[in-house]
Amino acid sequence: MLSLPRPVHDQMVAYCLVGLPDEACGLLGGNPGTGEAVTCYPTRNLAASAKLYTVDPKEHLRADRDAEAGGNSIIGVFHSHTHTEAYPSPTDVDQAPDPGWHYVLVSLRDTQPVVRSYRIVDGLITEEPVRLLHR
């Protein structure tokens, strides 16, 4: 399960909306043991595309260092789907680098953004619950 405090959730969704018409992306920092994200790290989409995303490696390194300085680690990646549902595409599965990460998709297809999270291990996609923490 992925737990998202309301401010982290809202920052992630807002960043995805600002990224339109391209996909937006970023990283989530937190405690891998509890699955709670405590920090949202918006990053530049180097692909600059409405259909693909590439997290800027320099920003990934900065996020990783910041998370570690706070006693956390990178626990997942998020990106938006601008015209499709919040489900991993074949490209998303191919790009899934860490089986321990949460892969969060924010669909902007409909009026209200939809946030869903997955685990991707050896190409197998498993949806997991997203718990929104009201704090």
Protein backbone atom coordinates (compact mmCIF):
# COMPACT_ATOMS: atom_id res chain seq x y z
CA MET A 1 0.00 0.00 0.00
CA LEU A 2 1.11 3.54 -0.74
CA SER A 3 0.25 6.19 1.84
CA LEU A 4 0.14 9.79 0.66
CA PRO A 5 -0.29 12.72 3.04
CA ARG A 6 -2.73 15.22 1.51
CA PRO A 7 0.00 17.88 0.86
CA VAL A 8 2.18 15.35 -1.03
CA HIS A 9 -0.81 14.15 -3.07
CA ASP A 10 -1.90 17.69 -3.88
CA GLN A 11 1.60 18.81 -4.89
CA MET A 12 1.97 15.80 -7.18
CA VAL A 13 -1.41 16.33 -8.90
CA ALA A 14 -0.85 20.09 -9.24
CA TYR A 15 2.57 19.51 -10.84
CA CYS A 16 1.01 17.09 -13.32
CA LEU A 17 -1.63 19.66 -14.27
CA VAL A 18 0.99 22.38 -14.74
CA GLY A 19 2.96 20.03 -17.01
CA LEU A 20 0.21 19.88 -19.63
CA PRO A 21 0.23 19.33 -22.55
CA ASP A 22 3.26 17.10 -21.82
CA GLU A 23 3.52 14.32 -19.29
CA ALA A 24 4.91 15.51 -15.97
CA CYS A 25 7.05 13.33 -13.73
CA GLY A 26 8.79 13.22 -10.40
CA LEU A 27 9.90 11.09 -7.49
CA LEU A 28 8.48 10.29 -4.09
CA GLY A 29 10.65 10.19 -1.00
CA GLY A 30 9.68 8.33 2.12
CA ASN A 31 10.02 5.25 4.26
CA PRO A 32 10.19 2.05 2.21
CA GLY A 33 9.19 0.00 5.26
CA THR A 34 5.88 1.79 5.79
CA GLY A 35 5.18 2.81 2.18
CA GLU A 36 4.47 6.37 3.27
CA ALA A 37 5.63 9.11 0.95
CA VAL A 38 6.71 12.19 2.87
CA THR A 39 8.17 14.29 0.06
CA CYS A 40 7.23 14.97 -3.55
CA TYR A 41 10.16 15.78 -5.83
CA PRO A 42 8.87 17.25 -9.10
CA THR A 43 11.43 16.72 -11.87
CA ARG A 44 11.86 17.84 -15.43
CA ASN A 45 10.58 15.51 -18.14
CA LEU A 46 13.58 15.32 -20.45
CA ALA A 47 11.43 13.63 -23.12
CA ALA A 48 9.23 16.77 -23.30
CA SER A 49 6.45 14.58 -24.67
CA ALA A 50 2.74 14.00 -24.17
CA LYS A 51 3.36 10.24 -24.48
CA LEU A 52 6.70 9.58 -22.73
CA TYR A 53 8.58 10.69 -19.67
CA THR A 54 12.22 10.65 -18.65
CA VAL A 55 13.20 11.82 -15.17
CA ASP A 56 16.17 14.19 -15.34
CA PRO A 57 19.09 12.18 -13.87
CA LYS A 58 20.59 15.24 -12.16
CA GLU A 59 17.28 15.98 -10.44
CA HIS A 60 16.98 12.31 -9.51
CA LEU A 61 20.39 12.48 -7.84
CA ARG A 62 19.42 15.67 -5.96
CA ALA A 63 16.16 14.07 -4.78
CA ASP A 64 18.00 10.92 -3.70
CA ARG A 65 20.52 12.93 -1.68
CA ASP A 66 17.80 15.07 -0.11
CA ALA A 67 15.74 12.03 0.87
CA GLU A 68 18.78 10.32 2.41
CA ALA A 69 19.68 13.48 4.34
CA GLY A 70 16.23 13.29 5.93
CA GLY A 71 16.59 9.60 6.80
CA ASN A 72 14.40 8.47 3.90
CA SER A 73 14.89 7.13 0.40
CA ILE A 74 13.24 7.31 -2.99
CA ILE A 75 10.27 4.96 -2.78
CA GLY A 76 8.63 5.64 -6.11
CA VAL A 77 8.13 7.60 -9.27
CA PHE A 78 5.04 9.37 -10.56
CA HIS A 79 4.01 10.63 -13.94
CA SER A 80 0.90 11.79 -15.68
CA HIS A 81 -1.06 10.25 -18.50
CA THR A 82 -2.50 13.19 -20.38
CA HIS A 83 -5.12 11.35 -22.46
CA THR A 84 -5.35 7.81 -21.10
CA GLU A 85 -6.34 6.03 -17.91
CA ALA A 86 -4.04 5.68 -14.91
CA TYR A 87 -2.63 2.30 -15.94
CA PRO A 88 0.98 1.52 -16.88
CA SER A 89 1.68 1.47 -20.60
CA PRO A 90 4.09 -1.08 -22.12
CA THR A 91 6.72 1.71 -22.14
CA ASP A 92 6.08 2.37 -18.43
CA VAL A 93 6.62 -1.32 -17.69
CA ASP A 94 9.84 -1.40 -19.72
CA GLN A 95 11.12 1.66 -17.83
CA ALA A 96 10.29 0.33 -14.34
CA PRO A 97 13.79 0.24 -12.79
CA ASP A 98 13.17 -0.90 -9.22
CA PRO A 99 10.83 -3.72 -8.13
CA GLY A 100 10.57 -2.13 -4.67
CA TRP A 101 9.21 1.17 -5.96
CA HIS A 102 5.65 2.44 -6.13
CA TYR A 103 4.72 3.43 -9.71
CA VAL A 104 2.13 6.18 -9.43
CA LEU A 105 0.07 7.34 -12.38
CA VAL A 106 -2.01 10.50 -12.47
CA SER A 107 -4.58 10.38 -15.26
CA LEU A 108 -5.64 13.78 -16.56
CA ARG A 109 -8.02 12.32 -19.15
CA ASP A 110 -11.17 13.26 -17.25
CA THR A 111 -12.28 16.41 -15.43
CA GLN A 112 -11.01 15.13 -12.09
CA PRO A 113 -7.46 13.71 -11.95
CA VAL A 114 -7.28 10.03 -11.01
CA VAL A 115 -4.33 8.74 -8.94
CA ARG A 116 -3.47 5.03 -8.90
CA SER A 117 -0.38 3.15 -7.77
CA TYR A 118 1.21 -0.08 -8.96
CA ARG A 119 4.05 -2.44 -8.25
CA ILE A 120 5.87 -3.64 -11.35
CA VAL A 121 8.07 -6.71 -10.91
CA ASP A 122 9.52 -8.61 -13.88
CA GLY A 123 6.89 -7.07 -16.16
CA LEU A 124 4.00 -8.08 -13.89
CA ILE A 125 1.71 -5.17 -12.98
CA THR A 126 -0.10 -5.28 -9.64
CA GLU A 127 -2.30 -2.43 -8.50
CA GLU A 128 -1.97 -1.46 -4.87
CA PRO A 129 -4.25 0.63 -2.65
CA VAL A 130 -3.49 4.34 -2.23
CA ARG A 131 -4.32 5.62 1.24
CA LEU A 132 -4.78 9.37 1.47
CA LEU A 133 -3.68 10.70 4.85
CA HIS A 134 -5.52 13.80 6.02
CA ARG A 135 -2.73 15.60 7.84
